[in-house]
Amino acid sequence: MPPGAPRLFGYEHSHYTLRCRMALGLKKVPYRMIWVAEDDAETPMELVGKKITPIVQFPNEPAMAESLDIIARVENDGRYGPPVLKPATDRSDIDSWIKSISSPMRNLGRPRYIRSAVLPEFRSQSARERFVTTHPLPDPESGETLSKADWASLPKEHRDLTYEYYFADSDNQ
């Protein structure tokens, strides 16, 4: 890695991290990718004061979070060439489509993330358990999605069974 390359901290499964990786790649910015374990709160807390990713750290600068802020920082830095991103559109059809697939993507993705042998953030059992505890899925019978606090207060077995249900019910999502 060349001297002065930024470090990007994130999760492989995160579309927010992917946004930043794409922006860095489009601008041909060399960077060091650092995968954060799902149960590692210490690293992001030390960098930005809360458990969040992605985080970018440029040499001799404070670390910064929030994917859109990171992208703007890279896009508007003259050292990385002229801006390359197109302006956002106000296409309501695209917004509607994204909203229509959000729930199925979440219901299909979350049970698979924790089973993946390749996602570095889920290598440990404690990381997988933390993810299940902090990422609610809808109740299979009622369709209701509990708040994070209410979901976390459910017995572990109930959360695990809900994840199992959505893993097994892929064809209906």
C-alpha atoms as a PDB file:
ATOM      1  CA  MET A   1       0.000   0.000   0.000  1.00  0.00           C
ATOM      2  CA  PRO A   2       1.468   3.382  -0.896  1.00  0.00           C
ATOM      3  CA  PRO A   3       2.275   5.787   1.934  1.00  0.00           C
ATOM      4  CA  GLY A   4      -0.633   8.088   2.592  1.00  0.00           C
ATOM      5  CA  ALA A   5      -3.281   5.572   1.546  1.00  0.00           C
ATOM      6  CA  PRO A   6      -6.488   5.846   3.568  1.00  0.00           C
ATOM      7  CA  ARG A   7      -7.776   2.998   5.696  1.00  0.00           C
ATOM      8  CA  LEU A   8     -11.407   1.964   5.228  1.00  0.00           C
ATOM      9  CA  PHE A   9     -13.070   0.051   8.076  1.00  0.00           C
ATOM     10  CA  GLY A  10     -16.258  -1.829   7.308  1.00  0.00           C
ATOM     11  CA  TYR A  11     -18.355  -4.951   6.906  1.00  0.00           C
ATOM     12  CA  GLU A  12     -18.256  -7.047   3.748  1.00  0.00           C
ATOM     13  CA  HIS A  13     -22.061  -7.476   3.800  1.00  0.00           C
ATOM     14  CA  SER A  14     -22.754  -3.742   4.146  1.00  0.00           C
ATOM     15  CA  HIS A  15     -24.025  -1.758   1.178  1.00  0.00           C
ATOM     16  CA  TYR A  16     -22.745   1.364   2.954  1.00  0.00           C
ATOM     17  CA  THR A  17     -19.215  -0.045   2.934  1.00  0.00           C
ATOM     18  CA  LEU A  18     -19.683  -1.082  -0.687  1.00  0.00           C
ATOM     19  CA  ARG A  19     -20.646   2.495  -1.604  1.00  0.00           C
ATOM     20  CA  CYS A  20     -17.340   3.732  -0.205  1.00  0.00           C
ATOM     21  CA  ARG A  21     -15.326   0.994  -1.888  1.00  0.00           C
ATOM     22  CA  MET A  22     -16.949   1.862  -5.202  1.00  0.00           C
ATOM     23  CA  ALA A  23     -16.196   5.575  -4.798  1.00  0.00           C
ATOM     24  CA  LEU A  24     -12.565   4.860  -3.923  1.00  0.00           C
ATOM     25  CA  GLY A  25     -12.306   2.456  -6.853  1.00  0.00           C
ATOM     26  CA  LEU A  26     -13.881   4.841  -9.360  1.00  0.00           C
ATOM     27  CA  LYS A  27     -11.381   7.498  -8.324  1.00  0.00           C
ATOM     28  CA  LYS A  28      -8.557   4.900  -8.401  1.00  0.00           C
ATOM     29  CA  VAL A  29      -7.628   5.714  -4.814  1.00  0.00           C
ATOM     30  CA  PRO A  30      -5.480   2.978  -3.266  1.00  0.00           C
ATOM     31  CA  TYR A  31      -6.719   2.138   0.212  1.00  0.00           C
ATOM     32  CA  ARG A  32      -6.330  -0.485   2.883  1.00  0.00           C
ATOM     33  CA  MET A  33      -9.525  -2.397   3.686  1.00  0.00           C
ATOM     34  CA  ILE A  34      -9.904  -3.382   7.331  1.00  0.00           C
ATOM     35  CA  TRP A  35     -12.766  -5.752   8.074  1.00  0.00           C
ATOM     36  CA  VAL A  36     -14.414  -5.100  11.429  1.00  0.00           C
ATOM     37  CA  ALA A  37     -15.893  -8.064  13.289  1.00  0.00           C
ATOM     38  CA  GLU A  38     -19.597  -7.700  14.068  1.00  0.00           C
ATOM     39  CA  ASP A  39     -18.858  -7.987  17.779  1.00  0.00           C
ATOM     40  CA  ASP A  40     -15.949  -5.503  17.716  1.00  0.00           C
ATOM     41  CA  ALA A  41     -17.324  -2.301  19.215  1.00  0.00           C
ATOM     42  CA  GLU A  42     -13.921  -1.167  20.456  1.00  0.00           C
ATOM     43  CA  THR A  43     -12.395  -0.295  17.063  1.00  0.00           C
ATOM     44  CA  PRO A  44     -15.172   2.023  15.838  1.00  0.00           C
ATOM     45  CA  MET A  45     -15.573   3.518  19.325  1.00  0.00           C
ATOM     46  CA  GLU A  46     -11.887   4.443  19.385  1.00  0.00           C
ATOM     47  CA  LEU A  47     -12.070   5.913  15.878  1.00  0.00           C
ATOM     48  CA  VAL A  48     -15.352   7.868  15.890  1.00  0.00           C
ATOM     49  CA  GLY A  49     -16.977   7.394  19.298  1.00  0.00           C
ATOM     50  CA  LYS A  50     -19.757   4.987  18.304  1.00  0.00           C
ATOM     51  CA  LYS A  51     -20.224   1.528  16.830  1.00  0.00           C
ATOM     52  CA  ILE A  52     -20.715   2.324  13.176  1.00  0.00           C
ATOM     53  CA  THR A  53     -19.206   1.457   9.818  1.00  0.00           C
ATOM     54  CA  PRO A  54     -17.955   2.384   7.333  1.00  0.00           C
ATOM     55  CA  ILE A  55     -15.202   4.567   8.701  1.00  0.00           C
ATOM     56  CA  VAL A  56     -12.376   6.075   6.687  1.00  0.00           C
ATOM     57  CA  GLN A  57      -9.140   7.368   8.103  1.00  0.00           C
ATOM     58  CA  PHE A  58      -6.872   9.477   5.936  1.00  0.00           C
ATOM     59  CA  PRO A  59      -3.321   9.989   7.222  1.00  0.00           C
ATOM     60  CA  ASN A  60      -3.007  12.889   9.657  1.00  0.00           C
ATOM     61  CA  GLU A  61      -6.780  13.440   9.726  1.00  0.00           C
ATOM     62  CA  PRO A  62      -9.435  12.393  12.216  1.00  0.00           C
ATOM     63  CA  ALA A  63     -11.407   9.325  11.192  1.00  0.00           C
ATOM     64  CA  MET A  64     -14.834   9.958   9.703  1.00  0.00           C
ATOM     65  CA  ALA A  65     -17.973   7.853   9.414  1.00  0.00           C
ATOM     66  CA  GLU A  66     -21.135   7.997   7.295  1.00  0.00           C
ATOM     67  CA  SER A  67     -20.824   6.626   3.780  1.00  0.00           C
ATOM     68  CA  LEU A  68     -22.178   9.682   1.965  1.00  0.00           C
ATOM     69  CA  ASP A  69     -19.762  11.966   3.842  1.00  0.00           C
ATOM     70  CA  ILE A  70     -16.882   9.645   2.978  1.00  0.00           C
ATOM     71  CA  ILE A  71     -17.906   9.598  -0.683  1.00  0.00           C
ATOM     72  CA  ALA A  72     -18.174  13.407  -0.771  1.00  0.00           C
ATOM     73  CA  ARG A  73     -14.727  13.687   0.837  1.00  0.00           C
ATOM     74  CA  VAL A  74     -13.168  11.440  -1.835  1.00  0.00           C
ATOM     75  CA  GLU A  75     -15.165  12.903  -4.726  1.00  0.00           C
ATOM     76  CA  ASN A  76     -14.243  16.509  -3.912  1.00  0.00           C
ATOM     77  CA  ASP A  77     -10.558  15.974  -3.123  1.00  0.00           C
ATOM     78  CA  GLY A  78      -8.558  17.357  -6.045  1.00  0.00           C
ATOM     79  CA  ARG A  79      -5.681  14.998  -5.264  1.00  0.00           C
ATOM     80  CA  TYR A  80      -7.861  12.198  -6.609  1.00  0.00           C
ATOM     81  CA  GLY A  81      -8.752  13.919  -9.865  1.00  0.00           C
ATOM     82  CA  PRO A  82     -11.917  15.629 -11.011  1.00  0.00           C
ATOM     83  CA  PRO A  83     -15.359  14.565  -9.794  1.00  0.00           C
ATOM     84  CA  VAL A  84     -16.669  11.420 -11.517  1.00  0.00           C
ATOM     85  CA  LEU A  85     -20.076  10.829  -9.927  1.00  0.00           C
ATOM     86  CA  LYS A  86     -23.270  11.831 -11.678  1.00  0.00           C
ATOM     87  CA  PRO A  87     -25.808  13.952  -9.793  1.00  0.00           C
ATOM     88  CA  ALA A  88     -28.678  12.146  -8.098  1.00  0.00           C
ATOM     89  CA  THR A  89     -31.943  11.785  -9.963  1.00  0.00           C
ATOM     90  CA  ASP A  90     -35.416  12.383  -8.607  1.00  0.00           C
ATOM     91  CA  ARG A  91     -36.818   9.189 -10.112  1.00  0.00           C
ATOM     92  CA  SER A  92     -39.672   8.080  -7.921  1.00  0.00           C
ATOM     93  CA  ASP A  93     -39.924   4.777  -9.828  1.00  0.00           C
ATOM     94  CA  ILE A  94     -36.417   3.833  -8.687  1.00  0.00           C
ATOM     95  CA  ASP A  95     -37.179   4.904  -5.113  1.00  0.00           C
ATOM     96  CA  SER A  96     -40.356   2.789  -5.169  1.00  0.00           C
ATOM     97  CA  TRP A  97     -38.505  -0.228  -6.549  1.00  0.00           C
ATOM     98  CA  ILE A  98     -35.806   0.041  -3.877  1.00  0.00           C
ATOM     99  CA  LYS A  99     -38.457   0.264  -1.154  1.00  0.00           C
ATOM    100  CA  SER A 100     -40.292  -2.748  -2.609  1.00  0.00           C
ATOM    101  CA  ILE A 101     -37.227  -5.000  -2.408  1.00  0.00           C
ATOM    102  CA  SER A 102     -35.874  -3.811   0.954  1.00  0.00           C
ATOM    103  CA  SER A 103     -37.846  -6.215   3.118  1.00  0.00           C
ATOM    104  CA  PRO A 104     -37.290  -9.314   0.945  1.00  0.00           C
ATOM    105  CA  MET A 105     -33.576  -8.489   0.682  1.00  0.00           C
ATOM    106  CA  ARG A 106     -33.318  -8.138   4.456  1.00  0.00           C
ATOM    107  CA  ASN A 107     -35.293 -11.334   5.088  1.00  0.00           C
ATOM    108  CA  LEU A 108     -33.198 -13.290   2.581  1.00  0.00           C
ATOM    109  CA  GLY A 109     -29.825 -11.740   3.380  1.00  0.00           C
ATOM    110  CA  ARG A 110     -29.610 -11.686   7.150  1.00  0.00           C
ATOM    111  CA  PRO A 111     -30.026 -15.449   7.686  1.00  0.00           C
ATOM    112  CA  ARG A 112     -27.387 -16.069   5.016  1.00  0.00           C
ATOM    113  CA  TYR A 113     -24.825 -13.573   6.266  1.00  0.00           C
ATOM    114  CA  ILE A 114     -24.415 -15.428   9.542  1.00  0.00           C
ATOM    115  CA  ARG A 115     -23.911 -18.742   7.714  1.00  0.00           C
ATOM    116  CA  SER A 116     -21.273 -17.420   5.351  1.00  0.00           C
ATOM    117  CA  ALA A 117     -17.806 -18.878   5.566  1.00  0.00           C
ATOM    118  CA  VAL A 118     -16.365 -15.931   3.642  1.00  0.00           C
ATOM    119  CA  LEU A 119     -17.704 -12.839   5.410  1.00  0.00           C
ATOM    120  CA  PRO A 120     -14.918 -11.777   7.778  1.00  0.00           C
ATOM    121  CA  GLU A 121     -17.222  -9.946  10.179  1.00  0.00           C
ATOM    122  CA  PHE A 122     -18.948 -13.245  11.073  1.00  0.00           C
ATOM    123  CA  ARG A 123     -15.956 -15.500  11.681  1.00  0.00           C
ATOM    124  CA  SER A 124     -16.664 -15.930  15.391  1.00  0.00           C
ATOM    125  CA  GLN A 125     -19.744 -17.383  17.039  1.00  0.00           C
ATOM    126  CA  SER A 126     -20.039 -14.292  19.244  1.00  0.00           C
ATOM    127  CA  ALA A 127     -20.109 -12.061  16.141  1.00  0.00           C
ATOM    128  CA  ARG A 128     -22.888 -14.135  14.580  1.00  0.00           C
ATOM    129  CA  GLU A 129     -24.866 -14.130  17.831  1.00  0.00           C
ATOM    130  CA  ARG A 130     -24.494 -10.373  18.210  1.00  0.00           C
ATOM    131  CA  PHE A 131     -25.796  -9.829  14.676  1.00  0.00           C
ATOM    132  CA  VAL A 132     -28.876 -11.979  15.288  1.00  0.00           C
ATOM    133  CA  THR A 133     -29.514 -10.185  18.595  1.00  0.00           C
ATOM    134  CA  THR A 134     -29.292  -6.705  17.040  1.00  0.00           C
ATOM    135  CA  HIS A 135     -30.953  -7.293  13.645  1.00  0.00           C
ATOM    136  CA  PRO A 136     -34.657  -8.148  13.981  1.00  0.00           C
ATOM    137  CA  LEU A 137     -36.623 -10.071  11.390  1.00  0.00           C
ATOM    138  CA  PRO A 138     -40.430 -10.018  11.126  1.00  0.00           C
ATOM    139  CA  ASP A 139     -42.417 -12.542  13.123  1.00  0.00           C
ATOM    140  CA  PRO A 140     -43.205 -15.363  10.650  1.00  0.00           C
ATOM    141  CA  GLU A 141     -46.861 -15.519  11.703  1.00  0.00           C
ATOM    142  CA  SER A 142     -47.846 -11.885  12.282  1.00  0.00           C
ATOM    143  CA  GLY A 143     -45.325 -10.168  10.002  1.00  0.00           C
ATOM    144  CA  GLU A 144     -44.642  -7.674  12.798  1.00  0.00           C
ATOM    145  CA  THR A 145     -41.070  -6.462  13.194  1.00  0.00           C
ATOM    146  CA  LEU A 146     -40.165  -5.666  16.784  1.00  0.00           C
ATOM    147  CA  SER A 147     -37.979  -2.775  17.855  1.00  0.00           C
ATOM    148  CA  LYS A 148     -34.334  -3.681  18.344  1.00  0.00           C
ATOM    149  CA  ALA A 149     -34.766  -3.535  22.130  1.00  0.00           C
ATOM    150  CA  ASP A 150     -37.853  -5.775  22.121  1.00  0.00           C
ATOM    151  CA  TRP A 151     -36.207  -8.207  19.699  1.00  0.00           C
ATOM    152  CA  ALA A 152     -33.072  -8.399  21.863  1.00  0.00           C
ATOM    153  CA  SER A 153     -35.217  -9.176  24.924  1.00  0.00           C
ATOM    154  CA  LEU A 154     -36.713 -12.276  23.270  1.00  0.00           C
ATOM    155  CA  PRO A 155     -35.208 -15.634  24.203  1.00  0.00           C
ATOM    156  CA  LYS A 156     -32.239 -16.555  22.020  1.00  0.00           C
ATOM    157  CA  GLU A 157     -34.095 -19.662  20.838  1.00  0.00           C
ATOM    158  CA  HIS A 158     -36.952 -17.526  19.463  1.00  0.00           C
ATOM    159  CA  ARG A 159     -34.567 -15.263  17.535  1.00  0.00           C
ATOM    160  CA  ASP A 160     -32.687 -18.287  16.180  1.00  0.00           C
ATOM    161  CA  LEU A 161     -35.921 -19.989  15.081  1.00  0.00           C
ATOM    162  CA  THR A 162     -37.027 -16.839  13.266  1.00  0.00           C
ATOM    163  CA  TYR A 163     -33.712 -16.702  11.400  1.00  0.00           C
ATOM    164  CA  GLU A 164     -34.090 -20.420  10.589  1.00  0.00           C
ATOM    165  CA  TYR A 165     -37.604 -19.803   9.268  1.00  0.00           C
ATOM    166  CA  TYR A 166     -36.459 -17.111   6.841  1.00  0.00           C
ATOM    167  CA  PHE A 167     -33.478 -19.193   5.746  1.00  0.00           C
ATOM    168  CA  ALA A 168     -35.739 -22.162   4.948  1.00  0.00           C
ATOM    169  CA  ASP A 169     -38.523 -20.035   3.405  1.00  0.00           C
ATOM    170  CA  SER A 170     -36.379 -18.474   0.674  1.00  0.00           C
ATOM    171  CA  ASP A 171     -38.689 -19.392  -2.195  1.00  0.00           C
ATOM    172  CA  ASN A 172     -41.530 -17.387  -0.661  1.00  0.00           C
ATOM    173  CA  GLN A 173     -39.662 -14.169   0.026  1.00  0.00           C
END
